[in-house]
Every structure is written in C-alpha cells, then in structure tokens.
Amino acid sequence: MNRAAVALSESSSEPQSAAPQKLPPAEPDSLRGRYALFFALAIGGCTADLLTKHWVFQWRGMPRPGNEWWLIEGYVGIETALNPGALFGMGRGYGFVFASLSIMAAVGVLAWLHFGRAARDLLLTIALGCVLGGIFGNLYDRLGLWHPPGQPDVWRNEVRDWILFRWGDYTWPNFNIADSLLVCGAALLFWHSFWFTEEAKPAQSE
C-alpha cells in the first residue's frame, strides 16, 4: 500500500465533526404533562376563586360600611366589594364589554397554547394557565351567574372582590384570587419576553 493510500485510510478513520442538528421536538408525554399542568392551573385557580368568593359573601354578606374583618389590624383583611368594571376597579360601567373581551382573550390563550406551541415552554404554560384561570373566575361573575346571599332571584353582573389591603389612609382597590392570577400570569409573560426568548426559537423553527 502506497503512502497516499495510507494517508487516505488514516484520514477517513479520524472522527468527523457533527453537523448542526435541530433540537428534537418535545416528547408526546412531555406535551401531555404540560397540557395537564395548564388545565390544572386554569381549573384549580378558577375553582379557588369562585369558592372563596362564594364563601366570603355568604359569611360577610353584601358590601356595607364597616364590614372589614382584619387579619392584620389596619393592614390586611377581608371586605366584600362589587366591581362593575375590570381589574382593580378600572373601567366601571363596561362590564359587558369586558365580558366580551374576556371570551376573546380565553380563545386567544387556548390558541397560543396549542397552535402557537406555547405548551412546549414550561414557563409559558404556567403563565397561560394562571391567566385563563383568572379570566374564567371573573367572567363567571360578569355573566351574572351568581346571586346575592339569600336572594336567588336577584341578578347581578358585578365582579365580587374581598381581599383588602390598607396602608394608613390609602386603601388599595379590593380584589380577588382571579385578579391575583391575572397579575401573576401577566408578570410571568413579561419576564419570559425578556429572559426566555431564545428558548422558544427552536420550537418555532421546526
């Protein structure tokens, strides 16, 4: 065997550098787990919101002056309130508009989760699950599916709030668990948009 053949043989036996590979798609089991987590957060969050609102309003009654019950005197407590607007009392008098927007937002969240492949990202899955739970919790009230305690024939479509924060002379607008879920979900989405954009690219390029 001549030197050229020997050189060719040696060069062919050297390890070749691997070509760039696409990241493998998410495993079906992993995706099923993400969907399960999403719906657990959405259904669990909505259920917690509706149960606590029902329980607090049964306990404390409809809003009235001097109805505060303090966990930490003067700072954190429970007080029933009705919100005819949106989050933290904004947009009063546009309940039906917000109900329509809530339905469209819920459809958008589900579309993003499935068609936008958000379920491939754990943080997005958690954020969207919180958002959907908050949407449905307040949508239930805006559609008038609740009744004041002891008044089954009375129809109301305000959102029931009960969490009270006060600092000195300032009282934060009363809110509920659904509001908290919406704020937490939005904060996670905001955080994701700044810190996790690169992780979403492989899924989008498939």
C-alpha atoms as a PDB file:
ATOM      1  CA  MET A   1       0.000   0.000   0.000  1.00  0.00           C
ATOM      2  CA  ASN A   2       1.492   3.351  -1.020  1.00  0.00           C
ATOM      3  CA  ARG A   3       1.797   6.364   1.218  1.00  0.00           C
ATOM      4  CA  ALA A   4      -1.188   8.140  -0.375  1.00  0.00           C
ATOM      5  CA  ALA A   5      -3.464   5.192   0.345  1.00  0.00           C
ATOM      6  CA  VAL A   6      -2.221   5.006   3.926  1.00  0.00           C
ATOM      7  CA  ALA A   7      -2.838   8.740   4.413  1.00  0.00           C
ATOM      8  CA  LEU A   8      -6.320   8.417   2.932  1.00  0.00           C
ATOM      9  CA  SER A   9      -7.085   5.490   5.235  1.00  0.00           C
ATOM     10  CA  GLU A  10      -5.890   7.369   8.330  1.00  0.00           C
ATOM     11  CA  SER A  11      -7.837  10.495   7.441  1.00  0.00           C
ATOM     12  CA  SER A  12     -11.032   8.532   6.905  1.00  0.00           C
ATOM     13  CA  SER A  13     -10.684   6.930  10.342  1.00  0.00           C
ATOM     14  CA  GLU A  14     -10.498  10.305  12.134  1.00  0.00           C
ATOM     15  CA  PRO A  15     -13.764  11.408  13.821  1.00  0.00           C
ATOM     16  CA  GLN A  16     -15.726  13.868  11.723  1.00  0.00           C
ATOM     17  CA  SER A  17     -17.290  16.947  13.291  1.00  0.00           C
ATOM     18  CA  ALA A  18     -21.035  16.553  13.684  1.00  0.00           C
ATOM     19  CA  ALA A  19     -23.278  18.725  11.540  1.00  0.00           C
ATOM     20  CA  PRO A  20     -25.603  21.112  13.378  1.00  0.00           C
ATOM     21  CA  GLN A  21     -28.765  19.345  14.452  1.00  0.00           C
ATOM     22  CA  LYS A  22     -32.196  20.673  15.171  1.00  0.00           C
ATOM     23  CA  LEU A  23     -33.334  20.306  18.726  1.00  0.00           C
ATOM     24  CA  PRO A  24     -35.634  17.295  18.981  1.00  0.00           C
ATOM     25  CA  PRO A  25     -39.333  18.051  19.210  1.00  0.00           C
ATOM     26  CA  ALA A  26     -40.983  17.789  22.594  1.00  0.00           C
ATOM     27  CA  GLU A  27     -41.902  14.248  23.503  1.00  0.00           C
ATOM     28  CA  PRO A  28     -45.636  13.434  23.453  1.00  0.00           C
ATOM     29  CA  ASP A  29     -45.513  12.505  27.142  1.00  0.00           C
ATOM     30  CA  SER A  30     -43.909  15.854  27.949  1.00  0.00           C
ATOM     31  CA  LEU A  31     -46.563  17.742  25.992  1.00  0.00           C
ATOM     32  CA  ARG A  32     -49.332  15.801  27.700  1.00  0.00           C
ATOM     33  CA  GLY A  33     -47.810  16.761  31.042  1.00  0.00           C
ATOM     34  CA  ARG A  34     -47.734  20.434  30.025  1.00  0.00           C
ATOM     35  CA  TYR A  35     -51.382  20.363  28.957  1.00  0.00           C
ATOM     36  CA  ALA A  36     -52.284  18.665  32.237  1.00  0.00           C
ATOM     37  CA  LEU A  37     -50.397  21.363  34.167  1.00  0.00           C
ATOM     38  CA  PHE A  38     -52.095  24.125  32.162  1.00  0.00           C
ATOM     39  CA  PHE A  39     -55.607  22.840  32.762  1.00  0.00           C
ATOM     40  CA  ALA A  40     -54.857  22.054  36.409  1.00  0.00           C
ATOM     41  CA  LEU A  41     -53.804  25.678  36.963  1.00  0.00           C
ATOM     42  CA  ALA A  42     -56.727  27.093  34.990  1.00  0.00           C
ATOM     43  CA  ILE A  43     -59.417  24.889  36.534  1.00  0.00           C
ATOM     44  CA  GLY A  44     -57.885  24.896  40.018  1.00  0.00           C
ATOM     45  CA  GLY A  45     -57.383  28.663  40.019  1.00  0.00           C
ATOM     46  CA  CYS A  46     -60.907  29.363  38.760  1.00  0.00           C
ATOM     47  CA  THR A  47     -62.391  26.944  41.307  1.00  0.00           C
ATOM     48  CA  ALA A  48     -60.434  28.510  44.173  1.00  0.00           C
ATOM     49  CA  ASP A  49     -61.596  31.955  43.100  1.00  0.00           C
ATOM     50  CA  LEU A  50     -65.290  31.008  42.861  1.00  0.00           C
ATOM     51  CA  LEU A  51     -65.317  29.043  46.109  1.00  0.00           C
ATOM     52  CA  THR A  52     -63.628  31.788  48.121  1.00  0.00           C
ATOM     53  CA  LYS A  53     -65.932  34.471  46.695  1.00  0.00           C
ATOM     54  CA  HIS A  54     -68.993  32.367  47.495  1.00  0.00           C
ATOM     55  CA  TRP A  55     -67.780  31.574  50.998  1.00  0.00           C
ATOM     56  CA  VAL A  56     -66.763  35.134  51.877  1.00  0.00           C
ATOM     57  CA  PHE A  57     -70.017  36.657  50.587  1.00  0.00           C
ATOM     58  CA  GLN A  58     -72.035  34.060  52.470  1.00  0.00           C
ATOM     59  CA  TRP A  59     -70.044  34.871  55.614  1.00  0.00           C
ATOM     60  CA  ARG A  60     -69.740  38.672  55.415  1.00  0.00           C
ATOM     61  CA  GLY A  61     -72.792  39.466  53.263  1.00  0.00           C
ATOM     62  CA  MET A  62     -73.108  42.114  50.582  1.00  0.00           C
ATOM     63  CA  PRO A  63     -70.923  45.251  50.777  1.00  0.00           C
ATOM     64  CA  ARG A  64     -71.807  47.715  53.532  1.00  0.00           C
ATOM     65  CA  PRO A  65     -69.928  50.294  55.600  1.00  0.00           C
ATOM     66  CA  GLY A  66     -67.798  48.985  58.444  1.00  0.00           C
ATOM     67  CA  ASN A  67     -67.748  45.396  57.176  1.00  0.00           C
ATOM     68  CA  GLU A  68     -63.977  44.907  57.426  1.00  0.00           C
ATOM     69  CA  TRP A  69     -62.575  41.828  59.135  1.00  0.00           C
ATOM     70  CA  TRP A  70     -58.872  42.171  59.827  1.00  0.00           C
ATOM     71  CA  LEU A  71     -56.202  39.502  59.558  1.00  0.00           C
ATOM     72  CA  ILE A  72     -53.540  42.091  60.385  1.00  0.00           C
ATOM     73  CA  GLU A  73     -55.273  45.004  62.072  1.00  0.00           C
ATOM     74  CA  GLY A  74     -55.365  48.059  59.825  1.00  0.00           C
ATOM     75  CA  TYR A  75     -53.352  46.458  57.003  1.00  0.00           C
ATOM     76  CA  VAL A  76     -54.640  43.150  55.622  1.00  0.00           C
ATOM     77  CA  GLY A  77     -58.222  41.992  55.887  1.00  0.00           C
ATOM     78  CA  ILE A  78     -61.429  40.822  54.272  1.00  0.00           C
ATOM     79  CA  GLU A  79     -64.151  43.124  52.996  1.00  0.00           C
ATOM     80  CA  THR A  80     -66.787  42.329  50.391  1.00  0.00           C
ATOM     81  CA  ALA A  81     -66.972  44.695  47.430  1.00  0.00           C
ATOM     82  CA  LEU A  82     -68.555  44.729  43.969  1.00  0.00           C
ATOM     83  CA  ASN A  83     -66.662  45.829  40.897  1.00  0.00           C
ATOM     84  CA  PRO A  84     -68.694  46.721  37.777  1.00  0.00           C
ATOM     85  CA  GLY A  85     -65.531  47.296  35.772  1.00  0.00           C
ATOM     86  CA  ALA A  86     -62.246  45.494  35.165  1.00  0.00           C
ATOM     87  CA  LEU A  87     -59.150  44.694  37.192  1.00  0.00           C
ATOM     88  CA  PHE A  88     -58.884  46.630  40.487  1.00  0.00           C
ATOM     89  CA  GLY A  89     -61.990  48.718  39.714  1.00  0.00           C
ATOM     90  CA  MET A  90     -60.864  50.166  36.370  1.00  0.00           C
ATOM     91  CA  GLY A  91     -63.383  50.752  33.573  1.00  0.00           C
ATOM     92  CA  ARG A  92     -66.543  50.955  35.646  1.00  0.00           C
ATOM     93  CA  GLY A  93     -69.774  50.573  33.687  1.00  0.00           C
ATOM     94  CA  TYR A  94     -68.311  48.486  30.853  1.00  0.00           C
ATOM     95  CA  GLY A  95     -68.966  45.027  32.283  1.00  0.00           C
ATOM     96  CA  PHE A  96     -70.388  43.534  29.094  1.00  0.00           C
ATOM     97  CA  VAL A  97     -67.507  44.926  27.056  1.00  0.00           C
ATOM     98  CA  PHE A  98     -65.039  43.298  29.433  1.00  0.00           C
ATOM     99  CA  ALA A  99     -67.029  40.061  29.332  1.00  0.00           C
ATOM    100  CA  SER A 100     -66.722  40.004  25.522  1.00  0.00           C
ATOM    101  CA  LEU A 101     -63.012  40.810  25.713  1.00  0.00           C
ATOM    102  CA  SER A 102     -62.566  38.057  28.313  1.00  0.00           C
ATOM    103  CA  ILE A 103     -64.097  35.460  25.984  1.00  0.00           C
ATOM    104  CA  MET A 104     -61.841  36.561  23.128  1.00  0.00           C
ATOM    105  CA  ALA A 105     -58.816  36.505  25.442  1.00  0.00           C
ATOM    106  CA  ALA A 106     -59.650  32.966  26.587  1.00  0.00           C
ATOM    107  CA  VAL A 107     -59.852  31.800  22.951  1.00  0.00           C
ATOM    108  CA  GLY A 108     -56.530  33.525  22.283  1.00  0.00           C
ATOM    109  CA  VAL A 109     -54.855  31.804  25.232  1.00  0.00           C
ATOM    110  CA  LEU A 110     -56.023  28.361  24.085  1.00  0.00           C
ATOM    111  CA  ALA A 111     -54.910  29.082  20.509  1.00  0.00           C
ATOM    112  CA  TRP A 112     -51.493  30.254  21.703  1.00  0.00           C
ATOM    113  CA  LEU A 113     -51.113  27.178  23.865  1.00  0.00           C
ATOM    114  CA  HIS A 114     -51.870  24.732  21.041  1.00  0.00           C
ATOM    115  CA  PHE A 115     -51.311  26.352  17.655  1.00  0.00           C
ATOM    116  CA  GLY A 116     -48.629  28.736  18.904  1.00  0.00           C
ATOM    117  CA  ARG A 117     -46.848  25.822  20.627  1.00  0.00           C
ATOM    118  CA  ALA A 118     -46.678  27.603  23.962  1.00  0.00           C
ATOM    119  CA  ALA A 119     -47.140  24.204  25.639  1.00  0.00           C
ATOM    120  CA  ARG A 120     -43.541  23.390  24.642  1.00  0.00           C
ATOM    121  CA  ASP A 121     -42.368  26.028  27.129  1.00  0.00           C
ATOM    122  CA  LEU A 122     -42.901  25.322  30.831  1.00  0.00           C
ATOM    123  CA  LEU A 123     -42.943  28.959  31.947  1.00  0.00           C
ATOM    124  CA  LEU A 124     -45.408  29.940  29.213  1.00  0.00           C
ATOM    125  CA  THR A 125     -47.608  27.007  30.185  1.00  0.00           C
ATOM    126  CA  ILE A 126     -47.707  28.162  33.812  1.00  0.00           C
ATOM    127  CA  ALA A 127     -48.320  31.800  32.854  1.00  0.00           C
ATOM    128  CA  LEU A 128     -51.160  30.999  30.450  1.00  0.00           C
ATOM    129  CA  GLY A 129     -52.758  28.596  32.939  1.00  0.00           C
ATOM    130  CA  CYS A 130     -52.854  31.376  35.542  1.00  0.00           C
ATOM    131  CA  VAL A 131     -54.249  33.855  33.028  1.00  0.00           C
ATOM    132  CA  LEU A 132     -57.018  31.524  31.880  1.00  0.00           C
ATOM    133  CA  GLY A 133     -57.993  30.693  35.462  1.00  0.00           C
ATOM    134  CA  GLY A 134     -58.265  34.408  36.240  1.00  0.00           C
ATOM    135  CA  ILE A 135     -60.237  35.104  33.074  1.00  0.00           C
ATOM    136  CA  PHE A 136     -62.855  32.455  33.810  1.00  0.00           C
ATOM    137  CA  GLY A 137     -63.107  33.353  37.502  1.00  0.00           C
ATOM    138  CA  ASN A 138     -64.126  36.940  36.753  1.00  0.00           C
ATOM    139  CA  LEU A 139     -66.067  36.040  33.594  1.00  0.00           C
ATOM    140  CA  TYR A 140     -68.386  33.885  35.709  1.00  0.00           C
ATOM    141  CA  ASP A 141     -69.344  36.982  37.699  1.00  0.00           C
ATOM    142  CA  ARG A 142     -69.601  39.292  34.673  1.00  0.00           C
ATOM    143  CA  LEU A 143     -72.067  36.919  33.021  1.00  0.00           C
ATOM    144  CA  GLY A 144     -74.319  37.179  36.066  1.00  0.00           C
ATOM    145  CA  LEU A 145     -74.013  33.532  37.079  1.00  0.00           C
ATOM    146  CA  TRP A 146     -74.009  34.339  40.800  1.00  0.00           C
ATOM    147  CA  HIS A 147     -76.713  35.618  43.149  1.00  0.00           C
ATOM    148  CA  PRO A 148     -76.514  37.705  46.333  1.00  0.00           C
ATOM    149  CA  PRO A 149     -76.751  35.639  49.526  1.00  0.00           C
ATOM    150  CA  GLY A 150     -80.373  34.837  50.299  1.00  0.00           C
ATOM    151  CA  GLN A 151     -81.619  36.463  47.075  1.00  0.00           C
ATOM    152  CA  PRO A 152     -81.726  33.726  44.417  1.00  0.00           C
ATOM    153  CA  ASP A 153     -83.992  35.773  42.140  1.00  0.00           C
ATOM    154  CA  VAL A 154     -81.744  38.846  42.047  1.00  0.00           C
ATOM    155  CA  TRP A 155     -79.440  39.121  39.016  1.00  0.00           C
ATOM    156  CA  ARG A 156     -76.068  40.874  39.393  1.00  0.00           C
ATOM    157  CA  ASN A 157     -73.163  41.059  36.973  1.00  0.00           C
ATOM    158  CA  GLU A 158     -70.517  42.830  39.043  1.00  0.00           C
ATOM    159  CA  VAL A 159     -67.297  41.034  39.943  1.00  0.00           C
ATOM    160  CA  ARG A 160     -67.119  40.016  43.600  1.00  0.00           C
ATOM    161  CA  ASP A 161     -63.995  41.201  45.425  1.00  0.00           C
ATOM    162  CA  TRP A 162     -62.992  40.545  49.017  1.00  0.00           C
ATOM    163  CA  ILE A 163     -59.231  40.899  49.633  1.00  0.00           C
ATOM    164  CA  LEU A 164     -58.458  44.157  51.463  1.00  0.00           C
ATOM    165  CA  PHE A 165     -55.090  45.939  51.717  1.00  0.00           C
ATOM    166  CA  ARG A 166     -54.747  49.243  53.549  1.00  0.00           C
ATOM    167  CA  TRP A 167     -51.772  51.421  54.456  1.00  0.00           C
ATOM    168  CA  GLY A 168     -52.546  54.432  56.577  1.00  0.00           C
ATOM    169  CA  ASP A 169     -55.215  56.465  54.809  1.00  0.00           C
ATOM    170  CA  TYR A 170     -54.765  54.637  51.494  1.00  0.00           C
ATOM    171  CA  THR A 171     -56.864  51.575  50.626  1.00  0.00           C
ATOM    172  CA  TRP A 172     -55.884  49.521  47.619  1.00  0.00           C
ATOM    173  CA  PRO A 173     -58.930  48.608  45.447  1.00  0.00           C
ATOM    174  CA  ASN A 174     -60.348  45.328  46.721  1.00  0.00           C
ATOM    175  CA  PHE A 175     -59.544  42.316  44.580  1.00  0.00           C
ATOM    176  CA  ASN A 176     -59.935  38.552  44.445  1.00  0.00           C
ATOM    177  CA  ILE A 177     -57.978  35.420  43.566  1.00  0.00           C
ATOM    178  CA  ALA A 178     -58.827  35.748  39.859  1.00  0.00           C
ATOM    179  CA  ASP A 179     -57.224  39.221  39.814  1.00  0.00           C
ATOM    180  CA  SER A 180     -54.142  37.788  41.514  1.00  0.00           C
ATOM    181  CA  LEU A 181     -53.897  35.007  38.925  1.00  0.00           C
ATOM    182  CA  LEU A 182     -54.140  37.532  36.091  1.00  0.00           C
ATOM    183  CA  VAL A 183     -51.410  39.716  37.582  1.00  0.00           C
ATOM    184  CA  CYS A 184     -49.110  36.740  38.264  1.00  0.00           C
ATOM    185  CA  GLY A 185     -49.678  35.347  34.763  1.00  0.00           C
ATOM    186  CA  ALA A 186     -49.006  38.716  33.150  1.00  0.00           C
ATOM    187  CA  ALA A 187     -45.840  39.160  35.233  1.00  0.00           C
ATOM    188  CA  LEU A 188     -44.571  35.736  34.126  1.00  0.00           C
ATOM    189  CA  LEU A 189     -45.289  36.596  30.477  1.00  0.00           C
ATOM    190  CA  PHE A 190     -43.421  39.877  30.882  1.00  0.00           C
ATOM    191  CA  TRP A 191     -40.461  38.094  32.472  1.00  0.00           C
ATOM    192  CA  HIS A 192     -40.491  35.444  29.759  1.00  0.00           C
ATOM    193  CA  SER A 193     -40.432  38.060  26.983  1.00  0.00           C
ATOM    194  CA  PHE A 194     -37.145  39.450  28.311  1.00  0.00           C
ATOM    195  CA  TRP A 195     -35.300  36.372  29.527  1.00  0.00           C
ATOM    196  CA  PHE A 196     -36.545  33.340  27.621  1.00  0.00           C
ATOM    197  CA  THR A 197     -36.953  34.435  24.003  1.00  0.00           C
ATOM    198  CA  GLU A 198     -34.033  32.329  22.804  1.00  0.00           C
ATOM    199  CA  GLU A 199     -35.504  29.119  24.242  1.00  0.00           C
ATOM    200  CA  ALA A 200     -38.653  29.458  22.154  1.00  0.00           C
ATOM    201  CA  LYS A 201     -36.801  29.734  18.788  1.00  0.00           C
ATOM    202  CA  PRO A 202     -36.034  26.029  18.202  1.00  0.00           C
ATOM    203  CA  ALA A 203     -39.711  25.128  18.582  1.00  0.00           C
ATOM    204  CA  GLN A 204     -40.688  27.897  16.140  1.00  0.00           C
ATOM    205  CA  SER A 205     -38.168  26.806  13.525  1.00  0.00           C
ATOM    206  CA  GLU A 206     -39.413  23.245  13.265  1.00  0.00           C
END
